[in-house]
Amino acid sequence: MPSEFLEQLLDAKRVSTPIVAINTQDPLETMDSIIQCFLGKWKELATKNPKLPQPLFIKWDIVTGLVGIGKDSAAAVVGMFPNVDTAKPIPPQIAKLTTNPVDMLKVALRVPPGAMLFMLNMHRLIDDLTVAQGVWNLRDEFKKDGRMLILDAPMIKLPMQLDHDVLILDEPLPDRESRAKIIREEIGYFNEGQKKAGAEALKEPEAAIIERVIDITGGLSAFAVDQATAMNLSPAGFNIGGLWKRKCQFIENTPGVKVWNGGERFADLKGQDNIQRFELGLMNGKESFRCVVIFDEAEKTAGAGAGDTSQVSQEMHGAMLAEMQDRDYPGMIFLGPGGSGKTVNLKALGNEAPGGKIIVLIVNIAGMKSSLVGSSMANLLQFFRIVEAVSDGRPLFAFTANTFDFSPEFQRRCYLGKWFFDLPGKDEREDIWKVYLKKFKLDAKQPRPDDNGWTGAEIRACSLLSYRLGKSLVECQDFIVPIAVSAGEKILKLRSDAHGKFISAAKPGAYKYEELSISLRSARQIEPPSRGNALDN
């Protein structure tokens, strides 16, 4: 039975839709599946109507030009050029005449009635005005006699003049069931090869291992799943590390996206008891998340800020809102001073999932922006497709910020709460020191610096400097200027503004500024001005 995607295409062909754009990670595989589907449908109908003509399929790319797929289609292509030698299946003259997309689109008017014409990698060409015009020129002519132009691309953003003339379809990346089938087939091929070579076969993997491989290959195209599985099989079993590496390489081909593979754990993070309890409840509850997506410093880069009025940012902001609402993706906002542990908390969350590590993506929306018209949105839409496939539809979106500048619409999408990460209190700083003194093998009994107002990041920096320089912690404090001093007024306002409006990451309930009222003066580093220090509490 055809997939939902192929059913949509069959319906489009049935009503003579002239132009279709297909977003696909594997254009050739997609083209082959479409051809097989339509041939199957033709054979089914031909049993009732033997005179039904066989469908014709023609492929174009910028290197080989027009090529007919199959004997009848090849003959049809040659028939489009009356002066070409018909004795050759792919005459060089045709390639020479049709590798230029505009020239080919002019010739496309001669495509036989009912034929399907595939144009590959159109995301790189469609922004050219002459190409877009050539595509548009085919609309009414193709509509008359059931011809269809299919624009294949990993992700295509149509120019304005084609918005209402082209049907856009998304071929989803393979789901769990499809990936499982590919993996099982590849195990069979491997064992057949081993048997022919007289070598050791692969023992039947445990069900848990198969499930793990299915999880890891989420987000890959069918061809990539096949190749990644084949390259990481041996008689000893699956190379899980190799599969992870292949997956990371594929995902990081998307601009602005990085896969995080650190070893952070909640046990190493202090002063986050409330948020960690909440996150573990989510992870161990119903429909737990399969992917953590971190938008770091989102107030600067996500286009979510109400003050960012650039057209690209506003379009991407709108697309983010639409994606979260349409797919009901849950979101969280983490606010707090730099170094307060917002991002590291989310990195650690990926290692706390039941059943093993889940993928953590760090996203820089600014890195997705491109000088090419439409490319920025195409990059974002491509990222959304990857997230959907990687997470099996269950991602957690988390937006970290050092200042609060999110639109009301964006805040409503983040229904898992707005959380405030404050400067750690005295007991929390003590716990943080213990973690890093142990990590860097430092003397736990040595004198400590005056750490009033320090973040966990600054405690780590002081400990690391002590380890690298061979100096005491007190000596190393001369190289630390806490953010509570360097940006004291901003932090004071941030903490005050968060009072009663955010959930505390440290303690149950709403954040209360007065609970952590501390002095931000560090006389050792910065002398207070003569008029008094506005940072004192």
Protein backbone atom coordinates (compact mmCIF):
# COMPACT_ATOMS: atom_id res chain seq x y z
CA MET A 1 0.00 0.00 0.00
CA PRO A 2 1.47 3.42 -0.95
CA SER A 3 2.59 5.71 1.84
CA GLU A 4 0.60 8.82 2.69
CA PHE A 5 3.12 10.89 0.71
CA LEU A 6 2.69 8.74 -2.42
CA GLU A 7 -1.10 8.74 -2.02
CA GLN A 8 -1.01 12.54 -2.03
CA LEU A 9 1.06 12.50 -5.23
CA LEU A 10 -1.32 10.01 -6.88
CA ASP A 11 -4.22 12.29 -6.00
CA ALA A 12 -2.36 15.28 -7.44
CA LYS A 13 -1.71 13.43 -10.70
CA ARG A 14 -5.32 12.31 -10.87
CA VAL A 15 -6.56 15.92 -10.83
CA SER A 16 -3.83 17.07 -13.27
CA THR A 17 -1.78 19.13 -10.83
CA PRO A 18 0.91 20.53 -13.15
CA ILE A 19 3.78 21.42 -10.78
CA VAL A 20 4.79 19.71 -7.54
CA ALA A 21 7.78 20.46 -5.30
CA ILE A 22 8.99 17.60 -3.10
CA ASN A 23 11.22 18.10 -0.08
CA THR A 24 13.31 14.96 0.26
CA GLN A 25 16.68 13.98 1.69
CA ASP A 26 17.26 11.45 -1.07
CA PRO A 27 15.94 12.74 -4.43
CA LEU A 28 16.98 9.65 -6.40
CA GLU A 29 15.40 7.25 -3.90
CA THR A 30 12.27 9.39 -3.88
CA MET A 31 12.13 9.47 -7.66
CA ASP A 32 12.50 5.67 -7.79
CA SER A 33 9.73 5.13 -5.23
CA ILE A 34 7.42 7.45 -7.20
CA ILE A 35 8.15 5.61 -10.47
CA GLN A 36 7.56 2.20 -8.86
CA CYS A 37 4.31 3.43 -7.30
CA PHE A 38 2.96 4.82 -10.59
CA LEU A 39 4.04 1.74 -12.55
CA GLY A 40 2.26 -0.44 -10.00
CA LYS A 41 -0.87 1.67 -10.32
CA TRP A 42 -0.67 1.50 -14.12
CA LYS A 43 -0.36 -2.33 -14.06
CA GLU A 44 -3.39 -2.50 -11.78
CA LEU A 45 -5.48 -0.32 -14.12
CA ALA A 46 -4.11 -1.99 -17.27
CA THR A 47 -5.75 -5.28 -16.30
CA LYS A 48 -9.09 -3.58 -16.87
CA ASN A 49 -7.96 -1.38 -19.74
CA PRO A 50 -5.19 -3.09 -21.79
CA LYS A 51 -4.91 -0.06 -24.10
CA LEU A 52 -3.93 2.24 -21.24
CA PRO A 53 -0.57 3.78 -22.26
CA GLN A 54 2.40 3.11 -20.00
CA PRO A 55 3.41 6.21 -18.01
CA LEU A 56 6.54 8.05 -19.12
CA PHE A 57 9.23 9.28 -16.72
CA ILE A 58 11.93 11.80 -17.62
CA LYS A 59 14.76 12.98 -15.36
CA TRP A 60 16.77 16.18 -15.61
CA ASP A 61 19.86 17.33 -13.76
CA ILE A 62 22.33 20.07 -14.54
CA VAL A 63 25.10 17.62 -15.57
CA THR A 64 23.37 14.99 -17.70
CA GLY A 65 20.43 17.01 -19.03
CA LEU A 66 17.25 15.20 -20.08
CA VAL A 67 17.20 11.41 -19.70
CA GLY A 68 14.27 9.05 -20.27
CA ILE A 69 13.89 6.40 -17.57
CA GLY A 70 13.07 3.13 -19.31
CA LYS A 71 12.97 2.22 -23.00
CA ASP A 72 9.68 3.96 -23.85
CA SER A 73 10.62 7.10 -21.95
CA ALA A 74 14.05 7.24 -23.60
CA ALA A 75 12.40 7.01 -27.01
CA ALA A 76 10.00 9.77 -26.01
CA VAL A 77 12.90 12.06 -25.10
CA VAL A 78 14.59 11.41 -28.45
CA GLY A 79 11.26 12.12 -30.16
CA MET A 80 11.34 15.62 -28.66
CA PHE A 81 14.35 16.37 -30.90
CA PRO A 82 13.52 15.62 -34.57
CA ASN A 83 17.09 16.12 -35.82
CA VAL A 84 18.80 13.82 -33.28
CA ASP A 85 20.14 10.35 -34.10
CA THR A 86 17.52 7.95 -32.72
CA ALA A 87 19.93 5.01 -32.80
CA LYS A 88 21.57 6.13 -29.54
CA PRO A 89 19.67 5.71 -26.25
CA ILE A 90 21.03 8.92 -24.72
CA PRO A 91 22.33 10.99 -27.62
CA PRO A 92 25.11 13.42 -26.58
CA GLN A 93 23.34 16.13 -28.52
CA ILE A 94 20.41 16.04 -26.09
CA ALA A 95 22.65 16.47 -23.05
CA LYS A 96 24.42 19.35 -24.74
CA LEU A 97 21.13 21.02 -25.57
CA THR A 98 19.48 20.56 -22.17
CA THR A 99 22.01 20.91 -19.34
CA ASN A 100 21.14 24.59 -19.04
CA PRO A 101 17.94 24.70 -16.94
CA VAL A 102 16.37 27.57 -18.87
CA ASP A 103 17.00 25.88 -22.24
CA MET A 104 15.58 22.65 -20.84
CA LEU A 105 12.43 24.39 -19.56
CA LYS A 106 11.82 25.72 -23.06
CA VAL A 107 12.20 22.20 -24.48
CA ALA A 108 9.95 20.84 -21.71
CA LEU A 109 6.94 22.15 -23.61
CA ARG A 110 7.52 19.17 -25.97
CA VAL A 111 7.28 16.58 -23.18
CA PRO A 112 4.63 14.01 -24.23
CA PRO A 113 1.13 14.19 -22.69
CA GLY A 114 0.79 12.49 -19.30
CA ALA A 115 4.56 12.29 -18.70
CA MET A 116 6.27 13.10 -15.39
CA LEU A 117 9.37 15.31 -15.58
CA PHE A 118 11.71 15.27 -12.56
CA MET A 119 14.10 18.21 -12.02
CA LEU A 120 16.71 17.46 -9.34
CA ASN A 121 18.35 19.80 -6.82
CA MET A 122 16.06 22.68 -7.65
CA HIS A 123 16.75 24.41 -4.32
CA ARG A 124 19.95 25.72 -5.91
CA LEU A 125 18.23 27.05 -9.04
CA ILE A 126 14.68 28.16 -8.25
CA ASP A 127 15.68 31.63 -6.97
CA ASP A 128 16.96 32.54 -10.44
CA LEU A 129 14.28 34.70 -12.08
CA THR A 130 14.63 33.03 -15.49
CA VAL A 131 14.34 29.55 -14.01
CA ALA A 132 11.30 30.53 -11.94
CA GLN A 133 9.72 32.07 -15.05
CA GLY A 134 10.45 28.93 -17.07
CA VAL A 135 8.75 26.78 -14.43
CA TRP A 136 5.75 29.11 -14.31
CA ASN A 137 5.44 29.00 -18.10
CA LEU A 138 4.74 25.26 -17.92
CA ARG A 139 1.79 25.54 -15.54
CA ASP A 140 -1.12 25.96 -17.94
CA GLU A 141 0.40 23.84 -20.71
CA PHE A 142 1.03 20.88 -18.39
CA LYS A 143 -2.41 21.24 -16.81
CA LYS A 144 -4.11 20.71 -20.19
CA ASP A 145 -2.92 17.14 -20.80
CA GLY A 146 -1.98 15.67 -17.44
CA ARG A 147 1.77 16.32 -17.54
CA MET A 148 3.52 16.91 -14.23
CA LEU A 149 6.74 18.75 -13.37
CA ILE A 150 8.31 17.50 -10.12
CA LEU A 151 10.90 19.73 -8.45
CA ASP A 152 13.07 17.54 -6.19
CA ALA A 153 15.20 19.14 -3.47
CA PRO A 154 16.38 18.51 0.10
CA MET A 155 14.39 21.60 1.09
CA ILE A 156 12.91 24.13 -1.29
CA LYS A 157 11.63 27.64 -0.58
CA LEU A 158 9.65 28.90 -3.52
CA PRO A 159 9.95 32.47 -4.80
CA MET A 160 6.89 34.62 -4.35
CA GLN A 161 5.75 34.32 -7.97
CA LEU A 162 5.35 30.54 -7.61
CA ASP A 163 3.75 30.43 -4.16
CA HIS A 164 0.21 29.79 -5.44
CA ASP A 165 1.12 27.66 -8.45
CA VAL A 166 3.13 24.82 -6.93
CA LEU A 167 1.95 22.04 -4.64
CA ILE A 168 4.59 21.35 -1.96
CA LEU A 169 4.85 17.85 -0.52
CA ASP A 170 7.23 16.57 2.15
CA GLU A 171 8.54 13.05 1.96
CA PRO A 172 9.15 12.20 5.61
CA LEU A 173 12.40 10.63 6.69
CA PRO A 174 11.95 6.92 7.46
CA ASP A 175 9.99 6.19 10.63
CA ARG A 176 10.88 3.54 13.22
CA GLU A 177 9.15 0.76 11.33
CA SER A 178 10.90 1.64 8.07
CA ARG A 179 14.29 1.91 9.77
CA ALA A 180 13.76 -1.43 11.48
CA LYS A 181 13.05 -3.06 8.12
CA ILE A 182 16.19 -1.57 6.55
CA ILE A 183 18.35 -2.68 9.50
CA ARG A 184 16.95 -6.22 9.43
CA GLU A 185 17.54 -6.44 5.68
CA GLU A 186 21.11 -5.24 6.09
CA ILE A 187 21.77 -7.90 8.74
CA GLY A 188 20.51 -10.48 6.23
CA TYR A 189 22.76 -9.16 3.45
CA PHE A 190 25.73 -9.16 5.83
CA ASN A 191 25.18 -12.78 6.83
CA GLU A 192 24.73 -13.84 3.20
CA GLY A 193 28.06 -12.24 2.34
CA GLN A 194 29.75 -13.86 5.32
CA LYS A 195 28.33 -17.26 4.35
CA LYS A 196 29.59 -16.97 0.76
CA ALA A 197 33.03 -15.99 2.03
CA GLY A 198 33.07 -18.84 4.54
CA ALA A 199 33.36 -16.30 7.35
CA GLU A 200 31.67 -15.99 10.72
CA ALA A 201 28.06 -14.79 10.64
CA LEU A 202 26.51 -12.24 12.96
CA LYS A 203 24.67 -13.73 15.91
CA GLU A 204 21.11 -12.57 16.34
CA PRO A 205 21.36 -9.19 18.16
CA GLU A 206 19.35 -8.72 21.32
CA ALA A 207 16.08 -6.84 20.92
CA ALA A 208 17.41 -3.98 23.07
CA ILE A 209 20.39 -3.55 20.74
CA ILE A 210 18.15 -3.45 17.67
CA GLU A 211 15.98 -0.83 19.38
CA ARG A 212 19.09 1.20 20.16
CA VAL A 213 20.21 1.10 16.53
CA ILE A 214 16.72 2.13 15.41
CA ASP A 215 16.90 5.09 17.80
CA ILE A 216 20.34 6.17 16.65
CA THR A 217 19.48 6.06 12.95
CA GLY A 218 16.48 8.36 13.42
CA GLY A 219 16.85 11.45 11.24
CA LEU A 220 18.80 9.68 8.48
CA SER A 221 17.48 9.09 4.97
CA ALA A 222 16.73 5.53 3.91
CA PHE A 223 19.98 5.35 1.95
CA ALA A 224 21.96 6.77 4.88
CA VAL A 225 20.38 4.24 7.29
CA ASP A 226 21.38 1.45 4.92
CA GLN A 227 24.95 2.70 4.53
CA ALA A 228 25.49 3.53 8.21
CA THR A 229 24.22 0.08 9.23
CA ALA A 230 26.33 -1.74 6.64
CA MET A 231 29.52 0.11 7.63
CA ASN A 232 29.05 -0.59 11.33
CA LEU A 233 28.29 -4.32 11.27
CA SER A 234 30.72 -7.10 12.14
CA PRO A 235 30.40 -10.64 13.50
CA ALA A 236 30.77 -9.05 16.96
CA GLY A 237 27.64 -6.96 16.41
CA PHE A 238 26.94 -3.26 15.87
CA ASN A 239 29.52 -0.50 16.29
CA ILE A 240 27.30 1.89 18.25
CA GLY A 241 29.98 4.57 18.36
CA GLY A 242 30.35 4.47 14.59
CA LEU A 243 26.60 4.82 14.13
CA TRP A 244 26.52 7.84 16.43
CA LYS A 245 29.38 9.44 14.49
CA ARG A 246 27.59 8.95 11.17
CA LYS A 247 24.39 10.40 12.59
CA CYS A 248 26.20 13.44 14.00
CA GLN A 249 27.89 14.10 10.65
CA PHE A 250 24.54 14.02 8.87
CA ILE A 251 22.79 16.34 11.33
CA GLU A 252 25.67 18.81 11.46
CA ASN A 253 25.44 19.29 7.70
CA THR A 254 22.50 21.54 8.55
CA PRO A 255 23.79 25.11 9.08
CA GLY A 256 23.63 26.32 12.66
CA VAL A 257 23.15 22.87 14.25
CA LYS A 258 25.65 21.00 16.45
CA VAL A 259 25.29 17.65 18.19
CA TRP A 260 26.49 17.72 21.80
CA ASN A 261 28.27 14.60 23.05
CA GLY A 262 29.49 15.66 26.49
CA GLY A 263 29.32 13.60 29.67
CA GLU A 264 27.58 16.07 31.98
CA ARG A 265 25.36 14.61 34.70
CA PHE A 266 22.89 16.14 37.15
CA ALA A 267 24.94 14.90 40.10
CA ASP A 268 27.69 17.36 39.11
CA LEU A 269 25.34 20.36 39.01
CA LYS A 270 24.36 22.09 42.24
CA GLY A 271 21.68 24.63 43.03
CA GLN A 272 19.25 23.16 40.48
CA ASP A 273 17.20 20.80 42.63
CA ASN A 274 13.79 22.08 41.53
CA ILE A 275 14.36 22.09 37.79
CA GLN A 276 16.14 18.73 37.87
CA ARG A 277 13.25 17.15 39.76
CA PHE A 278 10.83 18.53 37.17
CA GLU A 279 12.94 17.38 34.21
CA LEU A 280 13.38 13.87 35.59
CA GLY A 281 9.63 13.69 36.08
CA LEU A 282 9.16 14.55 32.41
CA MET A 283 11.78 12.07 31.28
CA ASN A 284 10.31 9.22 33.31
CA GLY A 285 6.68 10.11 32.65
CA LYS A 286 4.39 9.27 29.76
CA GLU A 287 5.70 10.00 26.25
CA SER A 288 9.16 10.97 27.45
CA PHE A 289 11.26 13.15 25.17
CA ARG A 290 13.57 11.58 22.59
CA CYS A 291 15.63 14.68 21.83
CA VAL A 292 16.67 17.89 23.64
CA VAL A 293 16.95 20.95 21.40
CA ILE A 294 18.86 23.86 22.97
CA PHE A 295 18.51 27.36 21.53
CA ASP A 296 21.38 29.04 23.37
CA GLU A 297 21.26 32.81 24.00
CA ALA A 298 17.93 32.77 22.22
CA GLU A 299 17.24 36.44 22.92
CA LYS A 300 20.11 37.30 20.52
CA THR A 301 19.84 34.69 17.82
CA ALA A 302 16.41 33.06 17.63
CA GLY A 303 14.55 35.99 16.15
CA ALA A 304 12.23 35.59 19.14
CA GLY A 305 13.09 38.95 20.59
CA ALA A 306 10.38 41.54 20.20
CA GLY A 307 13.05 44.10 19.25
CA ASP A 308 14.37 42.12 16.26
CA THR A 309 12.48 43.54 13.29
CA SER A 310 14.54 42.22 10.34
CA GLN A 311 12.41 40.45 7.75
CA VAL A 312 14.39 37.20 7.90
CA SER A 313 14.27 37.09 11.70
CA GLN A 314 10.56 37.79 11.78
CA GLU A 315 9.88 35.09 9.18
CA MET A 316 11.96 32.57 11.13
CA HIS A 317 10.27 33.64 14.36
CA GLY A 318 6.87 33.03 12.75
CA ALA A 319 7.98 29.65 11.40
CA MET A 320 9.21 28.62 14.86
CA LEU A 321 5.88 29.60 16.44
CA ALA A 322 3.94 27.74 13.76
CA GLU A 323 6.04 24.58 14.08
CA MET A 324 5.69 24.48 17.87
CA GLN A 325 1.95 25.03 17.71
CA ASP A 326 1.15 22.75 14.77
CA ARG A 327 3.12 19.82 16.18
CA ASP A 328 2.46 20.66 19.84
CA TYR A 329 6.17 20.76 20.64
CA PRO A 330 6.66 21.70 24.30
CA GLY A 331 9.03 24.51 25.17
CA MET A 332 10.83 25.90 28.21
CA ILE A 333 12.55 29.24 28.81
CA PHE A 334 15.65 29.35 31.01
CA LEU A 335 16.62 32.84 32.21
CA GLY A 336 19.60 33.77 34.34
CA PRO A 337 23.02 35.39 34.43
CA GLY A 338 25.72 33.97 32.20
CA GLY A 339 27.43 31.00 33.85
CA SER A 340 24.48 30.12 36.08
CA GLY A 341 24.16 26.63 34.62
CA LYS A 342 21.25 26.98 32.18
CA THR A 343 22.87 25.34 29.17
CA VAL A 344 24.89 22.76 31.08
CA ASN A 345 21.66 21.62 32.75
CA LEU A 346 20.15 20.82 29.35
CA LYS A 347 23.32 19.12 28.14
CA ALA A 348 23.20 16.89 31.21
CA LEU A 349 19.51 16.18 30.64
CA GLY A 350 20.39 14.22 27.51
CA ASN A 351 22.42 11.82 29.67
CA GLU A 352 19.67 11.35 32.27
CA ALA A 353 17.08 9.82 29.96
CA PRO A 354 15.73 6.39 30.95
CA GLY A 355 17.15 3.66 28.75
CA GLY A 356 20.29 5.55 27.83
CA LYS A 357 21.58 8.73 26.24
CA ILE A 358 19.32 10.72 23.93
CA ILE A 359 20.53 13.20 21.35
CA VAL A 360 21.12 16.83 22.32
CA LEU A 361 21.15 19.48 19.59
CA ILE A 362 22.55 22.98 20.11
CA VAL A 363 21.03 25.43 17.66
CA ASN A 364 22.31 28.83 16.59
CA ILE A 365 19.55 30.39 14.51
CA ALA A 366 21.92 33.12 13.32
CA GLY A 367 24.08 30.37 11.81
CA MET A 368 21.12 29.33 9.66
CA LYS A 369 20.80 32.75 8.08
CA SER A 370 22.12 33.03 4.55
CA SER A 371 22.71 35.79 2.02
CA LEU A 372 20.77 33.77 -0.55
CA VAL A 373 17.09 34.64 -0.81
CA GLY A 374 14.99 31.90 0.75
CA SER A 375 17.97 29.87 1.99
CA SER A 376 17.56 30.92 5.62
CA MET A 377 13.99 29.64 5.76
CA ALA A 378 14.97 26.51 3.84
CA ASN A 379 17.67 25.79 6.43
CA LEU A 380 15.17 26.25 9.27
CA LEU A 381 12.56 24.02 7.61
CA GLN A 382 15.22 21.38 6.98
CA PHE A 383 16.14 21.56 10.66
CA PHE A 384 12.49 21.02 11.65
CA ARG A 385 12.33 17.87 9.49
CA ILE A 386 15.45 16.50 11.15
CA VAL A 387 14.10 17.22 14.64
CA GLU A 388 10.83 15.45 13.81
CA ALA A 389 12.67 12.37 12.57
CA VAL A 390 15.41 12.30 15.22
CA SER A 391 12.91 12.60 18.07
CA ASP A 392 10.17 10.43 16.57
CA GLY A 393 7.96 13.47 17.07
CA ARG A 394 8.86 13.99 20.73
CA PRO A 395 11.45 16.76 21.09
CA LEU A 396 11.88 19.19 23.98
CA PHE A 397 12.61 22.76 22.88
CA ALA A 398 14.53 24.80 25.45
CA PHE A 399 15.48 28.46 25.04
CA THR A 400 18.22 29.92 27.25
CA ALA A 401 18.66 33.66 27.68
CA ASN A 402 20.68 36.16 29.70
CA THR A 403 18.03 38.86 29.19
CA PHE A 404 14.30 38.44 28.77
CA ASP A 405 13.15 39.63 25.35
CA PHE A 406 10.62 37.11 24.04
CA SER A 407 7.36 37.96 22.35
CA PRO A 408 4.11 37.09 24.19
CA GLU A 409 3.30 34.55 21.46
CA PHE A 410 6.61 32.82 22.04
CA GLN A 411 6.08 32.70 25.79
CA ARG A 412 2.72 30.98 25.31
CA ARG A 413 4.38 28.20 23.28
CA CYS A 414 6.76 27.50 26.17
CA TYR A 415 4.11 25.93 28.37
CA LEU A 416 6.60 23.87 30.41
CA GLY A 417 7.48 27.00 32.26
CA LYS A 418 9.77 30.00 32.54
CA TRP A 419 12.61 29.11 34.89
CA PHE A 420 15.08 31.40 36.63
CA PHE A 421 18.65 30.31 37.38
CA ASP A 422 20.00 32.60 40.07
CA LEU A 423 23.50 33.17 41.38
CA PRO A 424 24.19 30.28 43.76
CA GLY A 425 23.84 30.84 47.49
CA LYS A 426 26.51 30.04 50.07
CA ASP A 427 25.57 26.35 50.55
CA GLU A 428 25.24 25.83 46.81
CA ARG A 429 28.66 27.40 46.18
CA GLU A 430 30.12 25.05 48.76
CA ASP A 431 28.72 22.06 46.88
CA ILE A 432 30.04 23.41 43.59
CA TRP A 433 33.55 23.83 45.04
CA LYS A 434 33.51 20.21 46.17
CA VAL A 435 32.66 19.02 42.65
CA TYR A 436 35.51 20.92 40.98
CA LEU A 437 38.10 20.40 43.68
CA LYS A 438 37.54 16.69 43.25
CA LYS A 439 37.49 16.88 39.46
CA PHE A 440 40.82 18.73 39.26
CA LYS A 441 42.38 16.82 42.18
CA LEU A 442 42.98 19.96 44.28
CA ASP A 443 43.53 20.23 48.06
CA ALA A 444 40.02 20.49 49.52
CA LYS A 445 41.36 21.99 52.77
CA GLN A 446 43.14 24.97 51.25
CA PRO A 447 41.75 28.50 51.81
CA ARG A 448 39.05 29.62 49.40
CA PRO A 449 38.60 32.98 47.68
CA ASP A 450 35.84 35.38 48.67
CA ASP A 451 33.29 33.82 46.33
CA ASN A 452 30.28 35.97 47.26
CA GLY A 453 28.30 36.48 44.03
CA TRP A 454 30.27 33.93 41.99
CA THR A 455 28.56 31.66 39.48
CA GLY A 456 29.31 27.97 39.09
CA ALA A 457 31.20 28.80 35.88
CA GLU A 458 33.51 31.15 37.79
CA ILE A 459 34.16 28.56 40.50
CA ARG A 460 35.07 26.10 37.78
CA ALA A 461 37.35 28.66 36.11
CA CYS A 462 39.19 29.34 39.36
CA SER A 463 39.64 25.62 40.04
CA LEU A 464 40.84 24.98 36.50
CA LEU A 465 43.36 27.83 36.70
CA SER A 466 44.65 26.46 40.00
CA TYR A 467 45.16 23.07 38.36
CA ARG A 468 46.87 24.44 35.25
CA LEU A 469 49.00 27.13 36.87
CA GLY A 470 49.91 25.21 40.00
CA LYS A 471 48.78 28.16 42.13
CA SER A 472 46.45 28.29 45.12
CA LEU A 473 42.76 29.10 44.72
CA VAL A 474 43.26 32.40 46.53
CA GLU A 475 46.04 33.39 44.11
CA CYS A 476 43.90 32.46 41.15
CA GLN A 477 41.03 34.70 42.19
CA ASP A 478 43.10 37.63 40.88
CA PHE A 479 42.30 36.31 37.39
CA ILE A 480 38.54 36.15 37.98
CA VAL A 481 36.18 39.11 37.62
CA PRO A 482 32.73 37.72 38.45
CA ILE A 483 29.85 38.64 36.20
CA ALA A 484 28.11 39.88 39.34
CA VAL A 485 30.74 42.65 39.37
CA SER A 486 31.35 43.22 35.66
CA ALA A 487 27.61 43.31 34.87
CA GLY A 488 26.27 43.93 38.35
CA GLU A 489 23.53 46.43 37.54
CA LYS A 490 22.11 44.25 34.75
CA ILE A 491 22.08 41.20 37.00
CA LEU A 492 20.49 43.14 39.83
CA LYS A 493 17.69 44.22 37.47
CA LEU A 494 17.38 40.72 36.02
CA ARG A 495 16.92 39.18 39.45
CA SER A 496 14.49 41.87 40.49
CA ASP A 497 12.41 41.52 37.32
CA ALA A 498 12.25 37.72 37.72
CA HIS A 499 10.79 38.01 41.24
CA GLY A 500 7.45 36.19 41.34
CA LYS A 501 7.32 35.83 37.53
CA PHE A 502 9.58 32.81 37.03
CA ILE A 503 9.85 29.40 38.63
CA SER A 504 12.96 28.97 40.74
CA ALA A 505 15.44 26.43 39.36
CA ALA A 506 16.77 25.89 42.89
CA LYS A 507 13.74 25.74 45.20
CA PRO A 508 10.07 24.77 44.87
CA GLY A 509 7.72 27.53 43.77
CA ALA A 510 8.16 30.94 42.25
CA TYR A 511 11.54 32.63 42.36
CA LYS A 512 11.87 35.11 45.23
CA TYR A 513 14.56 37.69 44.89
CA GLU A 514 14.81 38.41 48.60
CA GLU A 515 15.74 34.80 49.40
CA LEU A 516 19.14 35.26 47.76
CA SER A 517 19.84 38.89 48.55
CA ILE A 518 23.63 39.03 48.54
CA SER A 519 26.35 41.61 48.26
CA LEU A 520 27.80 41.87 44.78
CA ARG A 521 30.78 44.02 45.79
CA SER A 522 34.21 42.46 45.41
CA ALA A 523 36.55 45.03 46.93
CA ARG A 524 39.53 42.91 46.01
CA GLN A 525 38.78 43.35 42.32
CA ILE A 526 36.89 46.61 41.84
CA GLU A 527 36.90 49.62 44.13
CA PRO A 528 33.43 51.10 44.68
CA PRO A 529 32.91 54.60 43.30
CA SER A 530 33.05 57.45 45.77
CA ARG A 531 29.29 58.07 45.52
CA GLY A 532 28.57 54.58 46.83
CA ASN A 533 28.11 51.24 45.16
CA ALA A 534 24.69 50.80 43.59
CA LEU A 535 25.19 47.04 43.65
CA ASP A 536 25.16 46.72 47.44
CA ASN A 537 22.03 45.21 48.96
